[in-house]
Amino acid sequence: DPRARVACEVSCTTGLVIVMGEISISEGYVDIPGLVRNTLKNIGYTD
């Protein structure tokens, strides 16, 4: 949704990522846990 309203804050610490915020979209679904893991993998946290 190009008109999505998004304010997404993230915190990470040993063994945990927390995704918080306020998001409004007209329709649809995002796999946020999957997105988090793919991001970490692309950065290089694989070991």
ModelCIF file with pLDDT and N, C-alpha, C, O atoms, coordinates in Angstrom:
data_MODEL
#
_entry.id   MODEL 
#
_entity.id                         1 
_entity.type                       polymer 
_entity.pdbx_number_of_molecules   1 
#
_entity_poly.entity_id                      1 
_entity_poly.type                           'polypeptide(L)' 
_entity_poly.nstd_linkage                   no 
_entity_poly.nstd_monomer                   no 
_entity_poly.pdbx_seq_one_letter_code       DPRARVACEVSCTTGLVIVMGEISISEGYVDIPGLVRNTLKNIGYTD 
_entity_poly.pdbx_seq_one_letter_code_can   DPRARVACEVSCTTGLVIVMGEISISEGYVDIPGLVRNTLKNIGYTD 
_entity_poly.pdbx_strand_id                 A 
#
loop_
_entity_poly_seq.entity_id 
_entity_poly_seq.num 
_entity_poly_seq.mon_id 
_entity_poly_seq.hetero 
1 1  ASP n 
1 2  PRO n 
1 3  ARG n 
1 4  ALA n 
1 5  ARG n 
1 6  VAL n 
1 7  ALA n 
1 8  CYS n 
1 9  GLU n 
1 10 VAL n 
1 11 SER n 
1 12 CYS n 
1 13 THR n 
1 14 THR n 
1 15 GLY n 
1 16 LEU n 
1 17 VAL n 
1 18 ILE n 
1 19 VAL n 
1 20 MET n 
1 21 GLY n 
1 22 GLU n 
1 23 ILE n 
1 24 SER n 
1 25 ILE n 
1 26 SER n 
1 27 GLU n 
1 28 GLY n 
1 29 TYR n 
1 30 VAL n 
1 31 ASP n 
1 32 ILE n 
1 33 PRO n 
1 34 GLY n 
1 35 LEU n 
1 36 VAL n 
1 37 ARG n 
1 38 ASN n 
1 39 THR n 
1 40 LEU n 
1 41 LYS n 
1 42 ASN n 
1 43 ILE n 
1 44 GLY n 
1 45 TYR n 
1 46 THR n 
1 47 ASP n 
#
_struct_asym.id          A 
_struct_asym.entity_id   1 
#
loop_
_ma_qa_metric.id 
_ma_qa_metric.mode 
_ma_qa_metric.name 
_ma_qa_metric.software_group_id 
_ma_qa_metric.type 
1 global pLDDT . pLDDT 
2 local  pLDDT . pLDDT 
#
_ma_qa_metric_global.metric_id      1 
_ma_qa_metric_global.metric_value   96.83 
_ma_qa_metric_global.model_id       1 
_ma_qa_metric_global.ordinal_id     1 
#
loop_
_ma_qa_metric_local.label_asym_id 
_ma_qa_metric_local.label_comp_id 
_ma_qa_metric_local.label_seq_id 
_ma_qa_metric_local.metric_id 
_ma_qa_metric_local.metric_value 
_ma_qa_metric_local.model_id 
_ma_qa_metric_local.ordinal_id 
A ASP 1  2 97.00 1 1  
A PRO 2  2 96.00 1 2  
A ARG 3  2 95.00 1 3  
A ALA 4  2 96.00 1 4  
A ARG 5  2 95.00 1 5  
A VAL 6  2 97.00 1 6  
A ALA 7  2 97.00 1 7  
A CYS 8  2 98.00 1 8  
A GLU 9  2 98.00 1 9  
A VAL 10 2 98.00 1 10 
A SER 11 2 98.00 1 11 
A CYS 12 2 98.00 1 12 
A THR 13 2 98.00 1 13 
A THR 14 2 97.00 1 14 
A GLY 15 2 96.00 1 15 
A LEU 16 2 98.00 1 16 
A VAL 17 2 98.00 1 17 
A ILE 18 2 98.00 1 18 
A VAL 19 2 98.00 1 19 
A MET 20 2 98.00 1 20 
A GLY 21 2 97.00 1 21 
A GLU 22 2 97.00 1 22 
A ILE 23 2 96.00 1 23 
A SER 24 2 96.00 1 24 
A ILE 25 2 95.00 1 25 
A SER 26 2 92.00 1 26 
A GLU 27 2 91.00 1 27 
A GLY 28 2 93.00 1 28 
A TYR 29 2 94.00 1 29 
A VAL 30 2 95.00 1 30 
A ASP 31 2 97.00 1 31 
A ILE 32 2 97.00 1 32 
A PRO 33 2 98.00 1 33 
A GLY 34 2 98.00 1 34 
A LEU 35 2 98.00 1 35 
A VAL 36 2 98.00 1 36 
A ARG 37 2 98.00 1 37 
A ASN 38 2 98.00 1 38 
A THR 39 2 98.00 1 39 
A LEU 40 2 98.00 1 40 
A LYS 41 2 98.00 1 41 
A ASN 42 2 98.00 1 42 
A ILE 43 2 98.00 1 43 
A GLY 44 2 98.00 1 44 
A TYR 45 2 98.00 1 45 
A THR 46 2 97.00 1 46 
A ASP 47 2 96.00 1 47 
#
loop_
_atom_site.group_PDB 
_atom_site.id 
_atom_site.type_symbol 
_atom_site.label_atom_id 
_atom_site.label_alt_id 
_atom_site.label_comp_id 
_atom_site.label_asym_id 
_atom_site.label_entity_id 
_atom_site.label_seq_id 
_atom_site.pdbx_PDB_ins_code 
_atom_site.Cartn_x 
_atom_site.Cartn_y 
_atom_site.Cartn_z 
_atom_site.occupancy 
_atom_site.B_iso_or_equiv 
_atom_site.pdbx_formal_charge 
_atom_site.auth_seq_id 
_atom_site.auth_comp_id 
_atom_site.auth_asym_id 
_atom_site.auth_atom_id 
_atom_site.pdbx_PDB_model_num 
ATOM 1   N N  . ASP A 1 1  ? 0.851  -1.186  0.000  1.00 97.00 ? 1  ASP A N  1 
ATOM 2   C CA . ASP A 1 1  ? 0.000  0.000   0.000  1.00 97.00 ? 1  ASP A CA 1 
ATOM 3   C C  . ASP A 1 1  ? 0.891  1.242   0.000  1.00 97.00 ? 1  ASP A C  1 
ATOM 4   O O  . ASP A 1 1  ? 1.486  1.561   1.029  1.00 97.00 ? 1  ASP A O  1 
ATOM 5   N N  . PRO A 1 2  ? 0.999  1.953   -1.131 1.00 96.00 ? 2  PRO A N  1 
ATOM 6   C CA . PRO A 1 2  ? 1.859  3.139   -1.197 1.00 96.00 ? 2  PRO A CA 1 
ATOM 7   C C  . PRO A 1 2  ? 1.501  4.217   -0.177 1.00 96.00 ? 2  PRO A C  1 
ATOM 8   O O  . PRO A 1 2  ? 2.321  5.075   0.149  1.00 96.00 ? 2  PRO A O  1 
ATOM 9   N N  . ARG A 1 3  ? 0.259  4.163   0.325  1.00 95.00 ? 3  ARG A N  1 
ATOM 10  C CA . ARG A 1 3  ? -0.167 5.150   1.320  1.00 95.00 ? 3  ARG A CA 1 
ATOM 11  C C  . ARG A 1 3  ? -0.131 4.604   2.746  1.00 95.00 ? 3  ARG A C  1 
ATOM 12  O O  . ARG A 1 3  ? -0.768 5.156   3.643  1.00 95.00 ? 3  ARG A O  1 
ATOM 13  N N  . ALA A 1 4  ? 0.606  3.533   2.949  1.00 96.00 ? 4  ALA A N  1 
ATOM 14  C CA . ALA A 1 4  ? 0.739  2.960   4.287  1.00 96.00 ? 4  ALA A CA 1 
ATOM 15  C C  . ALA A 1 4  ? 1.274  4.002   5.264  1.00 96.00 ? 4  ALA A C  1 
ATOM 16  O O  . ALA A 1 4  ? 2.156  4.794   4.933  1.00 96.00 ? 4  ALA A O  1 
ATOM 17  N N  . ARG A 1 5  ? 0.724  3.981   6.464  1.00 95.00 ? 5  ARG A N  1 
ATOM 18  C CA . ARG A 1 5  ? 1.243  4.821   7.552  1.00 95.00 ? 5  ARG A CA 1 
ATOM 19  C C  . ARG A 1 5  ? 2.066  3.915   8.455  1.00 95.00 ? 5  ARG A C  1 
ATOM 20  O O  . ARG A 1 5  ? 1.549  2.964   9.041  1.00 95.00 ? 5  ARG A O  1 
ATOM 21  N N  . VAL A 1 6  ? 3.344  4.220   8.558  1.00 97.00 ? 6  VAL A N  1 
ATOM 22  C CA . VAL A 1 6  ? 4.265  3.325   9.255  1.00 97.00 ? 6  VAL A CA 1 
ATOM 23  C C  . VAL A 1 6  ? 5.138  4.122   10.217 1.00 97.00 ? 6  VAL A C  1 
ATOM 24  O O  . VAL A 1 6  ? 5.738  5.130   9.843  1.00 97.00 ? 6  VAL A O  1 
ATOM 25  N N  . ALA A 1 7  ? 5.199  3.659   11.448 1.00 97.00 ? 7  ALA A N  1 
ATOM 26  C CA . ALA A 1 7  ? 6.182  4.128   12.426 1.00 97.00 ? 7  ALA A CA 1 
ATOM 27  C C  . ALA A 1 7  ? 6.672  2.879   13.138 1.00 97.00 ? 7  ALA A C  1 
ATOM 28  O O  . ALA A 1 7  ? 6.035  2.406   14.079 1.00 97.00 ? 7  ALA A O  1 
ATOM 29  N N  . CYS A 1 8  ? 7.797  2.346   12.696 1.00 98.00 ? 8  CYS A N  1 
ATOM 30  C CA . CYS A 1 8  ? 8.274  1.034   13.156 1.00 98.00 ? 8  CYS A CA 1 
ATOM 31  C C  . CYS A 1 8  ? 9.602  1.179   13.884 1.00 98.00 ? 8  CYS A C  1 
ATOM 32  O O  . CYS A 1 8  ? 10.592 1.629   13.307 1.00 98.00 ? 8  CYS A O  1 
ATOM 33  N N  . GLU A 1 9  ? 9.612  0.796   15.145 1.00 98.00 ? 9  GLU A N  1 
ATOM 34  C CA . GLU A 1 9  ? 10.814 0.855   15.970 1.00 98.00 ? 9  GLU A CA 1 
ATOM 35  C C  . GLU A 1 9  ? 11.254 -0.570  16.295 1.00 98.00 ? 9  GLU A C  1 
ATOM 36  O O  . GLU A 1 9  ? 10.423 -1.459  16.481 1.00 98.00 ? 9  GLU A O  1 
ATOM 37  N N  . VAL A 1 10 ? 12.556 -0.774  16.360 1.00 98.00 ? 10 VAL A N  1 
ATOM 38  C CA . VAL A 1 10 ? 13.105 -2.101  16.638 1.00 98.00 ? 10 VAL A CA 1 
ATOM 39  C C  . VAL A 1 10 ? 14.169 -1.987  17.724 1.00 98.00 ? 10 VAL A C  1 
ATOM 40  O O  . VAL A 1 10 ? 14.919 -1.013  17.779 1.00 98.00 ? 10 VAL A O  1 
ATOM 41  N N  . SER A 1 11 ? 14.219 -2.998  18.586 1.00 98.00 ? 11 SER A N  1 
ATOM 42  C CA . SER A 1 11 ? 15.311 -3.131  19.539 1.00 98.00 ? 11 SER A CA 1 
ATOM 43  C C  . SER A 1 11 ? 15.838 -4.557  19.456 1.00 98.00 ? 11 SER A C  1 
ATOM 44  O O  . SER A 1 11 ? 15.072 -5.496  19.237 1.00 98.00 ? 11 SER A O  1 
ATOM 45  N N  . CYS A 1 12 ? 17.144 -4.718  19.632 1.00 98.00 ? 12 CYS A N  1 
ATOM 46  C CA . CYS A 1 12 ? 17.715 -6.061  19.621 1.00 98.00 ? 12 CYS A CA 1 
ATOM 47  C C  . CYS A 1 12 ? 18.732 -6.202  20.744 1.00 98.00 ? 12 CYS A C  1 
ATOM 48  O O  . CYS A 1 12 ? 19.442 -5.256  21.086 1.00 98.00 ? 12 CYS A O  1 
ATOM 49  N N  . THR A 1 13 ? 18.785 -7.388  21.301 1.00 98.00 ? 13 THR A N  1 
ATOM 50  C CA . THR A 1 13 ? 19.749 -7.711  22.341 1.00 98.00 ? 13 THR A CA 1 
ATOM 51  C C  . THR A 1 13 ? 20.102 -9.181  22.203 1.00 98.00 ? 13 THR A C  1 
ATOM 52  O O  . THR A 1 13 ? 19.675 -9.834  21.251 1.00 98.00 ? 13 THR A O  1 
ATOM 53  N N  . THR A 1 14 ? 20.864 -9.701  23.128 1.00 97.00 ? 14 THR A N  1 
ATOM 54  C CA . THR A 1 14 ? 21.284 -11.104 23.037 1.00 97.00 ? 14 THR A CA 1 
ATOM 55  C C  . THR A 1 14 ? 20.078 -12.026 22.867 1.00 97.00 ? 14 THR A C  1 
ATOM 56  O O  . THR A 1 14 ? 19.247 -12.142 23.768 1.00 97.00 ? 14 THR A O  1 
ATOM 57  N N  . GLY A 1 15 ? 19.988 -12.675 21.721 1.00 96.00 ? 15 GLY A N  1 
ATOM 58  C CA . GLY A 1 15 ? 18.958 -13.688 21.499 1.00 96.00 ? 15 GLY A CA 1 
ATOM 59  C C  . GLY A 1 15 ? 17.562 -13.186 21.220 1.00 96.00 ? 15 GLY A C  1 
ATOM 60  O O  . GLY A 1 15 ? 16.631 -13.989 21.155 1.00 96.00 ? 15 GLY A O  1 
ATOM 61  N N  . LEU A 1 16 ? 17.376 -11.859 21.050 1.00 98.00 ? 16 LEU A N  1 
ATOM 62  C CA . LEU A 1 16 ? 16.013 -11.341 20.908 1.00 98.00 ? 16 LEU A CA 1 
ATOM 63  C C  . LEU A 1 16 ? 15.963 -10.087 20.042 1.00 98.00 ? 16 LEU A C  1 
ATOM 64  O O  . LEU A 1 16 ? 16.797 -9.191  20.170 1.00 98.00 ? 16 LEU A O  1 
ATOM 65  N N  . VAL A 1 17 ? 14.960 -10.044 19.151 1.00 98.00 ? 17 VAL A N  1 
ATOM 66  C CA . VAL A 1 17 ? 14.632 -8.842  18.372 1.00 98.00 ? 17 VAL A CA 1 
ATOM 67  C C  . VAL A 1 17 ? 13.177 -8.490  18.666 1.00 98.00 ? 17 VAL A C  1 
ATOM 68  O O  . VAL A 1 17 ? 12.296 -9.345  18.572 1.00 98.00 ? 17 VAL A O  1 
ATOM 69  N N  . ILE A 1 18 ? 12.929 -7.231  19.021 1.00 98.00 ? 18 ILE A N  1 
ATOM 70  C CA . ILE A 1 18 ? 11.577 -6.759  19.307 1.00 98.00 ? 18 ILE A CA 1 
ATOM 71  C C  . ILE A 1 18 ? 11.194 -5.721  18.259 1.00 98.00 ? 18 ILE A C  1 
ATOM 72  O O  . ILE A 1 18 ? 11.900 -4.730  18.076 1.00 98.00 ? 18 ILE A O  1 
ATOM 73  N N  . VAL A 1 19 ? 10.075 -5.947  17.569 1.00 98.00 ? 19 VAL A N  1 
ATOM 74  C CA . VAL A 1 19 ? 9.567  -5.030  16.544 1.00 98.00 ? 19 VAL A CA 1 
ATOM 75  C C  . VAL A 1 19 ? 8.298  -4.381  17.079 1.00 98.00 ? 19 VAL A C  1 
ATOM 76  O O  . VAL A 1 19 ? 7.321  -5.066  17.382 1.00 98.00 ? 19 VAL A O  1 
ATOM 77  N N  . MET A 1 20 ? 8.319  -3.050  17.193 1.00 98.00 ? 20 MET A N  1 
ATOM 78  C CA . MET A 1 20 ? 7.212  -2.305  17.789 1.00 98.00 ? 20 MET A CA 1 
ATOM 79  C C  . MET A 1 20 ? 6.766  -1.203  16.846 1.00 98.00 ? 20 MET A C  1 
ATOM 80  O O  . MET A 1 20 ? 7.460  -0.885  15.881 1.00 98.00 ? 20 MET A O  1 
ATOM 81  N N  . GLY A 1 21 ? 5.603  -0.618  17.127 1.00 97.00 ? 21 GLY A N  1 
ATOM 82  C CA . GLY A 1 21 ? 5.214  0.560   16.370 1.00 97.00 ? 21 GLY A CA 1 
ATOM 83  C C  . GLY A 1 21 ? 3.752  0.620   16.035 1.00 97.00 ? 21 GLY A C  1 
ATOM 84  O O  . GLY A 1 21 ? 2.945  -0.174  16.518 1.00 97.00 ? 21 GLY A O  1 
ATOM 85  N N  . GLU A 1 22 ? 3.422  1.595   15.182 1.00 97.00 ? 22 GLU A N  1 
ATOM 86  C CA . GLU A 1 22 ? 2.057  1.828   14.727 1.00 97.00 ? 22 GLU A CA 1 
ATOM 87  C C  . GLU A 1 22 ? 2.052  1.760   13.204 1.00 97.00 ? 22 GLU A C  1 
ATOM 88  O O  . GLU A 1 22 ? 2.774  2.504   12.540 1.00 97.00 ? 22 GLU A O  1 
ATOM 89  N N  . ILE A 1 23 ? 1.238  0.872   12.659 1.00 96.00 ? 23 ILE A N  1 
ATOM 90  C CA . ILE A 1 23 ? 1.195  0.662   11.213 1.00 96.00 ? 23 ILE A CA 1 
ATOM 91  C C  . ILE A 1 23 ? -0.263 0.536   10.772 1.00 96.00 ? 23 ILE A C  1 
ATOM 92  O O  . ILE A 1 23 ? -1.042 -0.204  11.374 1.00 96.00 ? 23 ILE A O  1 
ATOM 93  N N  . SER A 1 24 ? -0.620 1.266   9.715  1.00 96.00 ? 24 SER A N  1 
ATOM 94  C CA . SER A 1 24 ? -1.949 1.158   9.116  1.00 96.00 ? 24 SER A CA 1 
ATOM 95  C C  . SER A 1 24 ? -1.793 0.978   7.615  1.00 96.00 ? 24 SER A C  1 
ATOM 96  O O  . SER A 1 24 ? -1.193 1.819   6.946  1.00 96.00 ? 24 SER A O  1 
ATOM 97  N N  . ILE A 1 25 ? -2.333 -0.123  7.078  1.00 95.00 ? 25 ILE A N  1 
ATOM 98  C CA . ILE A 1 25 ? -2.371 -0.340  5.629  1.00 95.00 ? 25 ILE A CA 1 
ATOM 99  C C  . ILE A 1 25 ? -3.782 -0.746  5.235  1.00 95.00 ? 25 ILE A C  1 
ATOM 100 O O  . ILE A 1 25 ? -4.561 -1.223  6.060  1.00 95.00 ? 25 ILE A O  1 
ATOM 101 N N  . SER A 1 26 ? -4.097 -0.548  3.956  1.00 92.00 ? 26 SER A N  1 
ATOM 102 C CA . SER A 1 26 ? -5.456 -0.816  3.497  1.00 92.00 ? 26 SER A CA 1 
ATOM 103 C C  . SER A 1 26 ? -5.760 -2.308  3.487  1.00 92.00 ? 26 SER A C  1 
ATOM 104 O O  . SER A 1 26 ? -6.870 -2.726  3.818  1.00 92.00 ? 26 SER A O  1 
ATOM 105 N N  . GLU A 1 27 ? -4.764 -3.112  3.102  1.00 91.00 ? 27 GLU A N  1 
ATOM 106 C CA . GLU A 1 27 ? -4.949 -4.559  3.090  1.00 91.00 ? 27 GLU A CA 1 
ATOM 107 C C  . GLU A 1 27 ? -3.595 -5.227  2.914  1.00 91.00 ? 27 GLU A C  1 
ATOM 108 O O  . GLU A 1 27 ? -2.617 -4.595  2.513  1.00 91.00 ? 27 GLU A O  1 
ATOM 109 N N  . GLY A 1 28 ? -3.561 -6.525  3.224  1.00 93.00 ? 28 GLY A N  1 
ATOM 110 C CA . GLY A 1 28 ? -2.332 -7.284  3.013  1.00 93.00 ? 28 GLY A CA 1 
ATOM 111 C C  . GLY A 1 28 ? -1.696 -7.737  4.311  1.00 93.00 ? 28 GLY A C  1 
ATOM 112 O O  . GLY A 1 28 ? -2.138 -7.372  5.400  1.00 93.00 ? 28 GLY A O  1 
ATOM 113 N N  . TYR A 1 29 ? -0.644 -8.545  4.175  1.00 94.00 ? 29 TYR A N  1 
ATOM 114 C CA . TYR A 1 29 ? 0.037  -9.130  5.331  1.00 94.00 ? 29 TYR A CA 1 
ATOM 115 C C  . TYR A 1 29 ? 1.534  -9.183  5.061  1.00 94.00 ? 29 TYR A C  1 
ATOM 116 O O  . TYR A 1 29 ? 1.964  -9.503  3.953  1.00 94.00 ? 29 TYR A O  1 
ATOM 117 N N  . VAL A 1 30 ? 2.317  -8.869  6.074  1.00 95.00 ? 30 VAL A N  1 
ATOM 118 C CA . VAL A 1 30 ? 3.774  -8.975  5.999  1.00 95.00 ? 30 VAL A CA 1 
ATOM 119 C C  . VAL A 1 30 ? 4.249  -9.949  7.068  1.00 95.00 ? 30 VAL A C  1 
ATOM 120 O O  . VAL A 1 30 ? 3.881  -9.827  8.237  1.00 95.00 ? 30 VAL A O  1 
ATOM 121 N N  . ASP A 1 31 ? 5.053  -10.899 6.671  1.00 97.00 ? 31 ASP A N  1 
ATOM 122 C CA . ASP A 1 31 ? 5.649  -11.853 7.609  1.00 97.00 ? 31 ASP A CA 1 
ATOM 123 C C  . ASP A 1 31 ? 6.840  -11.171 8.281  1.00 97.00 ? 31 ASP A C  1 
ATOM 124 O O  . ASP A 1 31 ? 7.978  -11.290 7.828  1.00 97.00 ? 31 ASP A O  1 
ATOM 125 N N  . ILE A 1 32 ? 6.556  -10.459 9.365  1.00 97.00 ? 32 ILE A N  1 
ATOM 126 C CA . ILE A 1 32 ? 7.603  -9.664  10.012 1.00 97.00 ? 32 ILE A CA 1 
ATOM 127 C C  . ILE A 1 32 ? 8.704  -10.541 10.612 1.00 97.00 ? 32 ILE A C  1 
ATOM 128 O O  . ILE A 1 32 ? 9.879  -10.221 10.430 1.00 97.00 ? 32 ILE A O  1 
ATOM 129 N N  . PRO A 1 33 ? 8.384  -11.637 11.322 1.00 98.00 ? 33 PRO A N  1 
ATOM 130 C CA . PRO A 1 33 ? 9.477  -12.491 11.818 1.00 98.00 ? 33 PRO A CA 1 
ATOM 131 C C  . PRO A 1 33 ? 10.376 -13.020 10.704 1.00 98.00 ? 33 PRO A C  1 
ATOM 132 O O  . PRO A 1 33 ? 11.595 -13.079 10.865 1.00 98.00 ? 33 PRO A O  1 
ATOM 133 N N  . GLY A 1 34 ? 9.778  -13.404 9.572  1.00 98.00 ? 34 GLY A N  1 
ATOM 134 C CA . GLY A 1 34 ? 10.574 -13.865 8.440  1.00 98.00 ? 34 GLY A CA 1 
ATOM 135 C C  . GLY A 1 34 ? 11.451 -12.763 7.876  1.00 98.00 ? 34 GLY A C  1 
ATOM 136 O O  . GLY A 1 34 ? 12.600 -13.003 7.504  1.00 98.00 ? 34 GLY A O  1 
ATOM 137 N N  . LEU A 1 35 ? 10.904 -11.544 7.813  1.00 98.00 ? 35 LEU A N  1 
ATOM 138 C CA . LEU A 1 35 ? 11.672 -10.391 7.333  1.00 98.00 ? 35 LEU A CA 1 
ATOM 139 C C  . LEU A 1 35 ? 12.857 -10.119 8.249  1.00 98.00 ? 35 LEU A C  1 
ATOM 140 O O  . LEU A 1 35 ? 13.960 -9.843  7.777  1.00 98.00 ? 35 LEU A O  1 
ATOM 141 N N  . VAL A 1 36 ? 12.631 -10.196 9.564  1.00 98.00 ? 36 VAL A N  1 
ATOM 142 C CA . VAL A 1 36 ? 13.710 -9.985  10.537 1.00 98.00 ? 36 VAL A CA 1 
ATOM 143 C C  . VAL A 1 36 ? 14.833 -10.990 10.304 1.00 98.00 ? 36 VAL A C  1 
ATOM 144 O O  . VAL A 1 36 ? 16.004 -10.617 10.242 1.00 98.00 ? 36 VAL A O  1 
ATOM 145 N N  . ARG A 1 37 ? 14.473 -12.257 10.177 1.00 98.00 ? 37 ARG A N  1 
ATOM 146 C CA . ARG A 1 37 ? 15.493 -13.299 10.024 1.00 98.00 ? 37 ARG A CA 1 
ATOM 147 C C  . ARG A 1 37 ? 16.264 -13.147 8.707  1.00 98.00 ? 37 ARG A C  1 
ATOM 148 O O  . ARG A 1 37 ? 17.479 -13.343 8.677  1.00 98.00 ? 37 ARG A O  1 
ATOM 149 N N  . ASN A 1 38 ? 15.570 -12.801 7.629  1.00 98.00 ? 38 ASN A N  1 
ATOM 150 C CA . ASN A 1 38 ? 16.257 -12.592 6.353  1.00 98.00 ? 38 ASN A CA 1 
ATOM 151 C C  . ASN A 1 38 ? 17.225 -11.418 6.425  1.00 98.00 ? 38 ASN A C  1 
ATOM 152 O O  . ASN A 1 38 ? 18.317 -11.466 5.858  1.00 98.00 ? 38 ASN A O  1 
ATOM 153 N N  . THR A 1 39 ? 16.813 -10.357 7.131  1.00 98.00 ? 39 THR A N  1 
ATOM 154 C CA . THR A 1 39 ? 17.685 -9.191  7.286  1.00 98.00 ? 39 THR A CA 1 
ATOM 155 C C  . THR A 1 39 ? 18.955 -9.567  8.039  1.00 98.00 ? 39 THR A C  1 
ATOM 156 O O  . THR A 1 39 ? 20.056 -9.201  7.628  1.00 98.00 ? 39 THR A O  1 
ATOM 157 N N  . LEU A 1 40 ? 18.801 -10.293 9.134  1.00 98.00 ? 40 LEU A N  1 
ATOM 158 C CA . LEU A 1 40 ? 19.962 -10.725 9.922  1.00 98.00 ? 40 LEU A CA 1 
ATOM 159 C C  . LEU A 1 40 ? 20.875 -11.631 9.104  1.00 98.00 ? 40 LEU A C  1 
ATOM 160 O O  . LEU A 1 40 ? 22.099 -11.542 9.201  1.00 98.00 ? 40 LEU A O  1 
ATOM 161 N N  . LYS A 1 41 ? 20.278 -12.497 8.304  1.00 98.00 ? 41 LYS A N  1 
ATOM 162 C CA . LYS A 1 41 ? 21.065 -13.403 7.456  1.00 98.00 ? 41 LYS A CA 1 
ATOM 163 C C  . LYS A 1 41 ? 21.864 -12.615 6.426  1.00 98.00 ? 41 LYS A C  1 
ATOM 164 O O  . LYS A 1 41 ? 23.043 -12.895 6.206  1.00 98.00 ? 41 LYS A O  1 
ATOM 165 N N  . ASN A 1 42 ? 21.224 -11.623 5.791  1.00 98.00 ? 42 ASN A N  1 
ATOM 166 C CA . ASN A 1 42 ? 21.904 -10.820 4.775  1.00 98.00 ? 42 ASN A CA 1 
ATOM 167 C C  . ASN A 1 42 ? 23.042 -9.999  5.367  1.00 98.00 ? 42 ASN A C  1 
ATOM 168 O O  . ASN A 1 42 ? 24.059 -9.776  4.711  1.00 98.00 ? 42 ASN A O  1 
ATOM 169 N N  . ILE A 1 43 ? 22.870 -9.549  6.605  1.00 98.00 ? 43 ILE A N  1 
ATOM 170 C CA . ILE A 1 43 ? 23.931 -8.785  7.264  1.00 98.00 ? 43 ILE A CA 1 
ATOM 171 C C  . ILE A 1 43 ? 25.136 -9.674  7.545  1.00 98.00 ? 43 ILE A C  1 
ATOM 172 O O  . ILE A 1 43 ? 26.281 -9.237  7.423  1.00 98.00 ? 43 ILE A O  1 
ATOM 173 N N  . GLY A 1 44 ? 24.873 -10.917 7.920  1.00 98.00 ? 44 GLY A N  1 
ATOM 174 C CA . GLY A 1 44 ? 25.970 -11.843 8.189  1.00 98.00 ? 44 GLY A CA 1 
ATOM 175 C C  . GLY A 1 44 ? 25.918 -12.530 9.530  1.00 98.00 ? 44 GLY A C  1 
ATOM 176 O O  . GLY A 1 44 ? 26.885 -13.176 9.934  1.00 98.00 ? 44 GLY A O  1 
ATOM 177 N N  . TYR A 1 45 ? 24.797 -12.402 10.233 1.00 98.00 ? 45 TYR A N  1 
ATOM 178 C CA . TYR A 1 45 ? 24.651 -13.087 11.519 1.00 98.00 ? 45 TYR A CA 1 
ATOM 179 C C  . TYR A 1 45 ? 24.145 -14.518 11.264 1.00 98.00 ? 45 TYR A C  1 
ATOM 180 O O  . TYR A 1 45 ? 22.979 -14.842 11.489 1.00 98.00 ? 45 TYR A O  1 
ATOM 181 N N  . THR A 1 46 ? 25.066 -15.345 10.789 1.00 97.00 ? 46 THR A N  1 
ATOM 182 C CA . THR A 1 46 ? 24.726 -16.712 10.366 1.00 97.00 ? 46 THR A CA 1 
ATOM 183 C C  . THR A 1 46 ? 25.377 -17.786 11.222 1.00 97.00 ? 46 THR A C  1 
ATOM 184 O O  . THR A 1 46 ? 25.078 -18.969 11.061 1.00 97.00 ? 46 THR A O  1 
ATOM 185 N N  . ASP A 1 47 ? 26.259 -17.392 12.127 1.00 96.00 ? 47 ASP A N  1 
ATOM 186 C CA . ASP A 1 47 ? 27.043 -18.356 12.899 1.00 96.00 ? 47 ASP A CA 1 
ATOM 187 C C  . ASP A 1 47 ? 26.646 -18.303 14.370 1.00 96.00 ? 47 ASP A C  1 
ATOM 188 O O  . ASP A 1 47 ? 27.196 -19.044 15.184 1.00 96.00 ? 47 ASP A O  1 
#
